[in-house]
Amino acid sequence: MSTITHINQGDSVILLSEEIEVLEKILSSFNISSNCIDKQQSIISFPQSYVGYINLPTRKILIEPKHIGVDLRHILRIHFFLYSLQNEDFDEPIYDLDSNKTVDILKSFIFELSKVVKRGLPVSYKYFNENIKELRGNLDLIKTTINLKLHRNNIFCCNFDDLSLDVPINQLLLMALVKCENLGNEIGQIKKFFINVSLPKTIPNIVLNTNTMYCKKAVTLAYMILNNISVNDFGEKGYGNSFLVNFDKLFEDFVKLILTKHSGDFNFTYWDNEKPYASCFTDEGEYTKSYIPDLIYNYDPANVSAYCILDMKNKVSMPFNNADVYQMFFYANQLNCKKVILCYPSSKDRQNARLSFGNESFFLKRLEAVYINIAGDTALEFKNNIINFIEKVKSLL
């Protein structure tokens, strides 16, 4: 990797001719259309909502978030928080930002896994039924007799419990290693510790306990690698890994998790599916129009109403642009709701904003805007920013 190209979210990059085909494959692995590539001019205009990094044969492209004061490390921390198991303690050291400004998930995974291996991979008692040379546990007399008559080396068929490395946590870590095994010699060195671990067919669901909590960061990074990292074959030039994430969706999921899980108020809910509001008739047939708010407070399904609607807007412009206002008027009308809160990300502490309407005939009288500071380098800042955001939202309910 010879150079690093830094661009802002939504910017364009001039491509080398040999980079176009590689980029098409990378975008496809993230289900992103390659229509953003202008092959005639050799230019790619990255989708507005995506941030991350792309490793190409000759360089690395870093797509930084559009918010001043927010970098990829802050985005990765939010992503890590969403994937993290038992994320109730969001002030723990794993949420401190890397002082070396590392944004390569694979490097972080290898670093964390090295610490796990040094301490010792998790083990658990496992039931075995095997033919062995020495008597152990409970003897299966019939099978042992058969082994004896067949002159087998391992005569004794025994049932016994023994400590085993072949447990779900290690299987998950091995899956992540195997996915990335062509990306560096250090991966092969660590993989040697997993010689007695089997490779599962599907991604295991891990539940940590007090004895395995030291694996938390490595496990979380393994999930990120398996679900959000693309490993690409560059032919004679080797392999590379890429990470792209929809920042708009990430911010929405982040706020949802904070308010539904960490606010202590279970009146925050959201829908899993859109709800219809109209039927459209055309000469090509009939179809249904539907809608779905990001988050609602005190939803009453019987009356299809809500006390408050919350919507996440990952924007750097001034709050309350016209399109958002129109959208909120529609949502409020559908849910017979007179209170709306728009949630925005920021790189500093900002006071709430309010948009009041002068037309007294309007059903909706005002819109509120609340900011959450997603910057800050320490876990303590991360925790305090979340708590402050929750308090600001609750103050408006």
Protein backbone atom coordinates (compact mmCIF):
# COMPACT_ATOMS: atom_id res chain seq x y z
CA MET A 1 0.00 0.00 0.00
CA SER A 2 1.83 3.09 -1.23
CA THR A 3 -0.55 6.03 -0.69
CA ILE A 4 -3.66 7.07 1.21
CA THR A 5 -6.32 9.17 -0.51
CA HIS A 6 -8.46 11.17 1.94
CA ILE A 7 -11.87 12.35 0.76
CA ASN A 8 -15.00 13.67 2.43
CA GLN A 9 -18.30 11.83 2.46
CA GLY A 10 -19.97 12.05 -0.97
CA ASP A 11 -16.89 13.34 -2.81
CA SER A 12 -15.50 12.07 -6.11
CA VAL A 13 -12.18 10.37 -6.85
CA ILE A 14 -10.28 10.03 -10.11
CA LEU A 15 -9.52 6.36 -10.73
CA LEU A 16 -6.75 4.50 -12.44
CA SER A 17 -8.00 2.25 -15.21
CA GLU A 18 -7.03 -0.92 -13.30
CA GLU A 19 -8.95 0.26 -10.22
CA ILE A 20 -12.39 0.34 -11.88
CA GLU A 21 -12.99 -3.42 -12.03
CA VAL A 22 -11.73 -3.88 -8.46
CA LEU A 23 -14.02 -1.13 -7.18
CA GLU A 24 -17.02 -2.64 -8.96
CA LYS A 25 -16.45 -5.92 -7.10
CA ILE A 26 -15.99 -4.13 -3.78
CA LEU A 27 -19.17 -2.10 -4.20
CA SER A 28 -21.07 -5.22 -5.19
CA SER A 29 -19.96 -6.97 -1.98
CA PHE A 30 -21.65 -4.14 -0.04
CA ASN A 31 -24.76 -4.23 -2.25
CA ILE A 32 -23.93 -0.79 -3.63
CA SER A 33 -24.69 -0.12 -7.29
CA SER A 34 -21.69 0.55 -9.53
CA ASN A 35 -23.69 3.27 -11.30
CA CYS A 36 -21.70 5.75 -9.22
CA ILE A 37 -18.66 4.95 -11.41
CA ASP A 38 -18.26 6.96 -14.60
CA LYS A 39 -16.09 4.61 -16.66
CA GLN A 40 -15.62 7.06 -19.53
CA GLN A 41 -14.09 9.71 -17.28
CA SER A 42 -12.65 7.20 -14.75
CA ILE A 43 -14.37 8.91 -11.83
CA ILE A 44 -16.31 7.50 -8.91
CA SER A 45 -18.79 9.65 -6.97
CA PHE A 46 -19.29 7.75 -3.73
CA PRO A 47 -22.86 7.50 -2.40
CA GLN A 48 -23.64 10.43 -0.11
CA SER A 49 -24.45 8.36 2.96
CA TYR A 50 -21.39 6.07 3.03
CA VAL A 51 -18.15 6.38 5.00
CA GLY A 52 -15.32 3.92 5.56
CA TYR A 53 -12.17 2.75 3.84
CA ILE A 54 -11.36 0.87 0.64
CA ASN A 55 -8.08 -0.93 0.08
CA LEU A 56 -7.02 -1.01 -3.56
CA PRO A 57 -3.87 -2.65 -5.01
CA THR A 58 -1.94 0.63 -5.05
CA ARG A 59 -3.62 2.83 -2.44
CA LYS A 60 -6.16 3.15 0.35
CA ILE A 61 -9.16 5.47 0.07
CA LEU A 62 -10.43 6.89 3.37
CA ILE A 63 -13.97 8.30 3.16
CA GLU A 64 -14.29 10.63 6.16
CA PRO A 65 -17.64 11.75 7.64
CA LYS A 66 -18.97 15.12 6.54
CA HIS A 67 -19.18 16.54 10.07
CA ILE A 68 -16.25 18.77 11.05
CA GLY A 69 -14.58 17.39 14.17
CA VAL A 70 -15.82 13.83 13.55
CA ASP A 71 -13.51 11.25 11.99
CA LEU A 72 -13.75 7.59 11.07
CA ARG A 73 -12.70 6.49 14.55
CA HIS A 74 -15.89 8.01 15.96
CA ILE A 75 -17.95 6.20 13.34
CA LEU A 76 -16.22 2.91 14.11
CA ARG A 77 -16.90 3.42 17.81
CA ILE A 78 -20.63 3.84 17.14
CA HIS A 79 -20.56 0.79 14.91
CA PHE A 80 -18.66 -1.14 17.58
CA PHE A 81 -21.19 -0.01 20.20
CA LEU A 82 -24.09 -1.29 18.11
CA TYR A 83 -22.41 -4.67 17.62
CA SER A 84 -21.03 -4.96 21.13
CA LEU A 85 -22.38 -7.72 23.35
CA GLN A 86 -23.85 -6.57 26.68
CA ASN A 87 -23.27 -2.89 25.85
CA GLU A 88 -24.81 -1.56 29.05
CA ASP A 89 -21.43 -0.26 30.27
CA PHE A 90 -20.62 2.25 27.56
CA ASP A 91 -17.94 4.01 29.61
CA GLU A 92 -15.60 1.01 29.68
CA PRO A 93 -12.09 1.42 28.18
CA ILE A 94 -12.99 -0.40 24.96
CA TYR A 95 -14.72 2.82 23.87
CA ASP A 96 -11.57 4.92 24.20
CA LEU A 97 -10.39 5.95 20.75
CA ASP A 98 -7.13 4.57 19.44
CA SER A 99 -4.48 7.25 19.96
CA ASN A 100 -2.68 5.97 16.84
CA LYS A 101 -5.78 6.85 14.81
CA THR A 102 -6.12 3.28 13.55
CA VAL A 103 -9.23 2.80 11.40
CA ASP A 104 -8.40 -0.69 10.12
CA ILE A 105 -10.79 -3.16 11.76
CA LEU A 106 -8.59 -6.13 10.85
CA LYS A 107 -5.53 -4.66 12.58
CA SER A 108 -7.61 -3.94 15.67
CA PHE A 109 -8.95 -7.52 15.61
CA ILE A 110 -5.47 -9.05 15.37
CA PHE A 111 -4.27 -6.83 18.22
CA GLU A 112 -7.20 -7.81 20.46
CA LEU A 113 -7.02 -11.48 19.53
CA SER A 114 -3.30 -11.53 20.35
CA LYS A 115 -4.19 -10.42 23.88
CA VAL A 116 -6.84 -13.13 24.15
CA VAL A 117 -4.44 -15.83 22.96
CA LYS A 118 -1.79 -14.65 25.39
CA ARG A 119 -4.23 -14.94 28.27
CA GLY A 120 -5.59 -18.24 26.95
CA LEU A 121 -8.50 -19.12 24.70
CA PRO A 122 -11.77 -19.92 26.52
CA VAL A 123 -12.38 -23.59 27.31
CA SER A 124 -15.42 -25.53 28.43
CA TYR A 125 -16.18 -29.08 29.44
CA LYS A 126 -17.36 -31.16 26.52
CA TYR A 127 -18.74 -34.70 26.28
CA PHE A 128 -16.59 -37.16 24.33
CA ASN A 129 -17.29 -40.68 23.05
CA GLU A 130 -14.01 -41.95 21.66
CA ASN A 131 -11.81 -44.98 21.17
CA ILE A 132 -8.64 -44.41 23.24
CA LYS A 133 -5.62 -46.40 24.37
CA GLU A 134 -6.16 -45.99 28.12
CA LEU A 135 -9.30 -46.55 30.13
CA ARG A 136 -11.05 -43.30 31.06
CA GLY A 137 -14.50 -42.35 32.30
CA ASN A 138 -17.30 -44.83 31.56
CA LEU A 139 -16.44 -47.87 29.47
CA ASP A 140 -18.68 -49.03 26.62
CA LEU A 141 -18.08 -52.76 27.01
CA ILE A 142 -19.68 -53.90 23.75
CA LYS A 143 -17.80 -51.47 21.51
CA THR A 144 -14.58 -52.15 23.41
CA THR A 145 -15.00 -55.90 22.77
CA ILE A 146 -15.50 -55.21 19.07
CA ASN A 147 -12.35 -53.05 18.99
CA LEU A 148 -10.42 -55.85 20.68
CA LYS A 149 -11.56 -58.46 18.15
CA LEU A 150 -10.69 -56.13 15.26
CA HIS A 151 -7.20 -55.61 16.74
CA ARG A 152 -7.56 -51.83 16.78
CA ASN A 153 -4.83 -49.72 18.41
CA ASN A 154 -7.34 -47.71 20.42
CA ILE A 155 -9.20 -50.47 22.19
CA PHE A 156 -11.19 -48.74 24.91
CA CYS A 157 -14.44 -47.04 23.86
CA CYS A 158 -15.04 -44.51 26.62
CA ASN A 159 -17.52 -41.79 27.49
CA PHE A 160 -15.98 -38.89 29.40
CA ASP A 161 -15.98 -35.12 29.95
CA ASP A 162 -12.90 -33.04 29.27
CA LEU A 163 -11.94 -29.41 28.74
CA SER A 164 -12.17 -28.42 25.10
CA LEU A 165 -11.22 -25.41 22.99
CA ASP A 166 -13.98 -26.25 20.52
CA VAL A 167 -16.50 -23.78 21.97
CA PRO A 168 -18.69 -21.16 20.17
CA ILE A 169 -16.50 -18.17 21.06
CA ASN A 170 -13.39 -19.77 19.57
CA GLN A 171 -15.37 -20.96 16.55
CA LEU A 172 -16.51 -17.38 15.90
CA LEU A 173 -12.97 -16.03 16.24
CA LEU A 174 -11.72 -18.75 13.88
CA MET A 175 -14.36 -17.83 11.29
CA ALA A 176 -13.10 -14.25 11.28
CA LEU A 177 -9.49 -15.45 11.00
CA VAL A 178 -10.29 -17.74 8.08
CA LYS A 179 -12.08 -14.94 6.24
CA CYS A 180 -8.96 -12.78 6.52
CA GLU A 181 -6.23 -15.44 6.44
CA ASN A 182 -4.77 -14.16 3.14
CA LEU A 183 -4.25 -10.65 4.46
CA GLY A 184 -1.09 -11.15 6.51
CA ASN A 185 1.41 -13.61 8.01
CA GLU A 186 0.45 -12.67 11.56
CA ILE A 187 -3.01 -14.15 10.98
CA GLY A 188 -1.49 -17.53 10.19
CA GLN A 189 0.61 -17.38 13.34
CA ILE A 190 -2.43 -16.75 15.53
CA LYS A 191 -4.47 -19.38 13.68
CA LYS A 192 -2.11 -22.06 15.03
CA PHE A 193 -3.72 -21.64 18.44
CA PHE A 194 -7.06 -22.76 16.94
CA ILE A 195 -5.87 -26.15 15.66
CA ASN A 196 -8.39 -27.99 17.89
CA VAL A 197 -11.29 -25.67 17.03
CA SER A 198 -13.84 -26.62 14.37
CA LEU A 199 -15.15 -24.20 11.77
CA PRO A 200 -18.93 -23.72 12.09
CA LYS A 201 -21.25 -23.52 9.08
CA THR A 202 -23.12 -20.48 10.42
CA ILE A 203 -22.09 -17.55 12.61
CA PRO A 204 -22.52 -18.56 16.29
CA ASN A 205 -24.56 -16.43 18.68
CA ILE A 206 -22.27 -15.67 21.61
CA VAL A 207 -23.33 -15.02 25.19
CA LEU A 208 -20.50 -13.74 27.38
CA ASN A 209 -20.14 -14.43 31.08
CA THR A 210 -17.72 -13.28 33.76
CA ASN A 211 -15.15 -15.86 32.64
CA THR A 212 -15.21 -14.84 28.98
CA MET A 213 -15.73 -11.08 29.25
CA TYR A 214 -12.04 -10.53 28.42
CA CYS A 215 -12.92 -11.67 24.87
CA LYS A 216 -15.61 -9.02 24.40
CA LYS A 217 -13.73 -6.66 22.11
CA ALA A 218 -12.24 -9.46 19.99
CA VAL A 219 -15.69 -11.08 19.65
CA THR A 220 -17.31 -7.79 18.65
CA LEU A 221 -14.63 -7.11 16.06
CA ALA A 222 -15.07 -10.66 14.75
CA TYR A 223 -18.77 -9.96 14.17
CA MET A 224 -17.86 -6.75 12.36
CA ILE A 225 -15.40 -8.60 10.14
CA LEU A 226 -17.88 -11.34 9.28
CA ASN A 227 -20.76 -8.95 8.58
CA ASN A 228 -19.18 -5.73 7.35
CA ILE A 229 -15.72 -6.40 5.94
CA SER A 230 -15.14 -7.26 2.30
CA VAL A 231 -11.97 -9.21 1.48
CA ASN A 232 -10.89 -8.82 -2.14
CA ASP A 233 -8.46 -10.76 -4.30
CA PHE A 234 -6.17 -8.50 -6.33
CA GLY A 235 -4.56 -11.40 -8.17
CA GLU A 236 -0.76 -11.15 -8.26
CA LYS A 237 -0.94 -8.00 -6.14
CA GLY A 238 -2.38 -9.85 -3.15
CA TYR A 239 -5.48 -9.17 -1.10
CA GLY A 240 -7.14 -6.19 0.53
CA ASN A 241 -9.99 -5.54 2.95
CA SER A 242 -12.60 -2.79 2.80
CA PHE A 243 -15.22 -1.39 5.15
CA LEU A 244 -18.17 0.75 4.08
CA VAL A 245 -21.12 1.71 6.25
CA ASN A 246 -24.24 3.77 5.65
CA PHE A 247 -23.67 6.59 8.16
CA ASP A 248 -27.32 7.76 7.96
CA LYS A 249 -28.60 4.30 8.92
CA LEU A 250 -25.87 3.89 11.52
CA PHE A 251 -26.86 7.15 13.23
CA GLU A 252 -30.53 6.17 13.18
CA ASP A 253 -29.79 2.78 14.77
CA PHE A 254 -27.50 4.41 17.34
CA VAL A 255 -30.17 6.83 18.56
CA LYS A 256 -32.80 4.08 18.57
CA LEU A 257 -30.61 1.87 20.75
CA ILE A 258 -29.80 4.70 23.16
CA LEU A 259 -33.41 5.72 23.72
CA THR A 260 -35.07 2.29 23.70
CA LYS A 261 -32.46 0.49 25.81
CA HIS A 262 -30.54 3.05 27.87
CA SER A 263 -33.07 5.78 28.64
CA GLY A 264 -34.93 3.71 31.22
CA ASP A 265 -38.18 4.66 29.48
CA PHE A 266 -39.85 1.79 27.63
CA ASN A 267 -42.35 4.07 25.88
CA PHE A 268 -39.80 4.57 23.08
CA THR A 269 -40.65 2.09 20.33
CA TYR A 270 -40.34 1.66 16.57
CA TRP A 271 -42.04 -0.30 13.84
CA ASP A 272 -40.40 -3.16 12.01
CA ASN A 273 -42.49 -2.65 8.89
CA GLU A 274 -44.05 0.25 7.01
CA LYS A 275 -47.75 0.96 7.41
CA PRO A 276 -49.99 1.84 4.45
CA TYR A 277 -51.64 5.24 4.25
CA ALA A 278 -53.05 5.41 0.72
CA SER A 279 -53.83 3.44 -2.44
CA CYS A 280 -52.63 4.66 -5.81
CA PHE A 281 -54.48 3.81 -9.02
CA THR A 282 -52.70 4.11 -12.39
CA ASP A 283 -53.11 2.70 -15.88
CA GLU A 284 -50.39 0.18 -14.91
CA GLY A 285 -52.34 -1.08 -11.91
CA GLU A 286 -52.91 -0.38 -8.22
CA TYR A 287 -50.27 -0.11 -5.51
CA THR A 288 -50.09 1.00 -1.88
CA LYS A 289 -48.18 3.95 -0.45
CA SER A 290 -46.76 3.45 3.04
CA TYR A 291 -44.67 5.22 5.69
CA ILE A 292 -42.55 4.46 8.77
CA PRO A 293 -41.28 6.96 11.39
CA ASP A 294 -37.82 6.36 12.85
CA LEU A 295 -38.99 6.30 16.47
CA ILE A 296 -42.22 7.00 18.32
CA TYR A 297 -43.08 7.68 21.94
CA ASN A 298 -46.14 6.29 23.72
CA TYR A 299 -47.64 4.71 20.61
CA ASP A 300 -51.30 3.66 20.82
CA PRO A 301 -51.92 1.02 18.13
CA ALA A 302 -55.66 0.91 18.82
CA ASN A 303 -56.07 4.57 17.84
CA VAL A 304 -52.98 4.69 15.57
CA SER A 305 -51.65 7.67 17.51
CA ALA A 306 -48.49 8.69 19.32
CA TYR A 307 -47.55 11.29 21.91
CA CYS A 308 -44.29 12.16 20.13
CA ILE A 309 -42.46 11.33 16.89
CA LEU A 310 -38.66 11.30 16.78
CA ASP A 311 -36.75 11.35 13.50
CA MET A 312 -32.99 11.09 12.94
CA LYS A 313 -31.40 13.55 10.52
CA ASN A 314 -27.69 13.01 9.80
CA LYS A 315 -27.08 16.45 8.32
CA VAL A 316 -24.52 19.24 8.66
CA SER A 317 -26.79 22.04 7.44
CA MET A 318 -29.01 24.18 9.61
CA PRO A 319 -31.88 22.25 11.18
CA PHE A 320 -35.44 22.20 9.89
CA ASN A 321 -34.97 22.20 6.13
CA ASN A 322 -38.22 22.35 4.22
CA ALA A 323 -38.30 18.69 3.13
CA ASP A 324 -37.91 17.54 6.74
CA VAL A 325 -40.61 19.93 7.92
CA TYR A 326 -43.06 18.67 5.29
CA GLN A 327 -42.26 15.06 6.20
CA MET A 328 -42.87 15.71 9.91
CA PHE A 329 -46.19 17.44 9.21
CA PHE A 330 -47.29 14.32 7.33
CA TYR A 331 -46.15 11.94 10.11
CA ALA A 332 -47.82 14.07 12.77
CA ASN A 333 -51.06 14.11 10.81
CA GLN A 334 -50.99 10.33 10.34
CA LEU A 335 -50.41 9.67 14.05
CA ASN A 336 -52.51 12.51 15.44
CA CYS A 337 -49.38 13.78 17.14
CA LYS A 338 -48.56 17.34 18.22
CA LYS A 339 -44.96 16.83 19.38
CA VAL A 340 -42.01 16.13 17.04
CA ILE A 341 -38.30 15.94 17.87
CA LEU A 342 -35.58 15.87 15.21
CA CYS A 343 -32.25 14.35 16.31
CA TYR A 344 -28.99 15.58 14.79
CA PRO A 345 -25.34 14.52 15.26
CA SER A 346 -22.71 17.06 16.25
CA SER A 347 -19.03 17.24 17.16
CA LYS A 348 -19.65 19.50 20.16
CA ASP A 349 -22.26 20.25 22.78
CA ARG A 350 -25.12 22.25 21.26
CA GLN A 351 -28.32 23.58 22.74
CA ASN A 352 -31.74 22.46 21.57
CA ALA A 353 -33.35 24.37 18.72
CA ARG A 354 -37.01 25.11 18.04
CA LEU A 355 -39.06 25.95 14.98
CA SER A 356 -42.37 27.67 15.83
CA PHE A 357 -45.12 28.22 13.28
CA GLY A 358 -46.98 31.48 13.06
CA ASN A 359 -50.04 30.03 11.37
CA GLU A 360 -52.43 29.22 14.22
CA SER A 361 -54.48 26.90 12.00
CA PHE A 362 -51.61 24.42 11.78
CA PHE A 363 -52.24 21.15 13.60
CA LEU A 364 -48.54 20.98 14.52
CA LYS A 365 -47.41 24.08 16.43
CA ARG A 366 -43.62 23.57 16.53
CA LEU A 367 -40.67 21.24 15.88
CA GLU A 368 -37.85 20.58 18.34
CA ALA A 369 -34.25 19.73 17.44
CA VAL A 370 -31.83 17.91 19.78
CA TYR A 371 -28.13 17.35 19.14
CA ILE A 372 -25.95 14.47 20.31
CA ASN A 373 -22.19 14.94 20.43
CA ILE A 374 -20.71 11.87 18.72
CA ALA A 375 -17.11 13.12 19.02
CA GLY A 376 -14.83 12.98 22.08
CA ASP A 377 -11.83 10.70 22.40
CA THR A 378 -12.46 8.99 25.73
CA ALA A 379 -15.00 6.43 26.90
CA LEU A 380 -16.06 8.84 29.66
CA GLU A 381 -16.86 11.54 27.10
CA PHE A 382 -18.77 8.97 25.07
CA LYS A 383 -20.83 8.03 28.13
CA ASN A 384 -21.50 11.64 29.18
CA ASN A 385 -22.55 12.62 25.66
CA ILE A 386 -25.09 9.78 25.59
CA ILE A 387 -26.45 10.67 29.03
CA ASN A 388 -26.73 14.37 28.12
CA PHE A 389 -28.60 13.52 24.92
CA ILE A 390 -31.07 11.30 26.78
CA GLU A 391 -31.72 14.05 29.32
CA LYS A 392 -32.29 16.65 26.60
CA VAL A 393 -34.80 14.42 24.82
CA LYS A 394 -36.64 13.61 28.04
CA SER A 395 -36.87 17.30 28.92
CA LEU A 396 -39.00 17.83 25.80
CA LEU A 397 -41.47 15.00 26.48
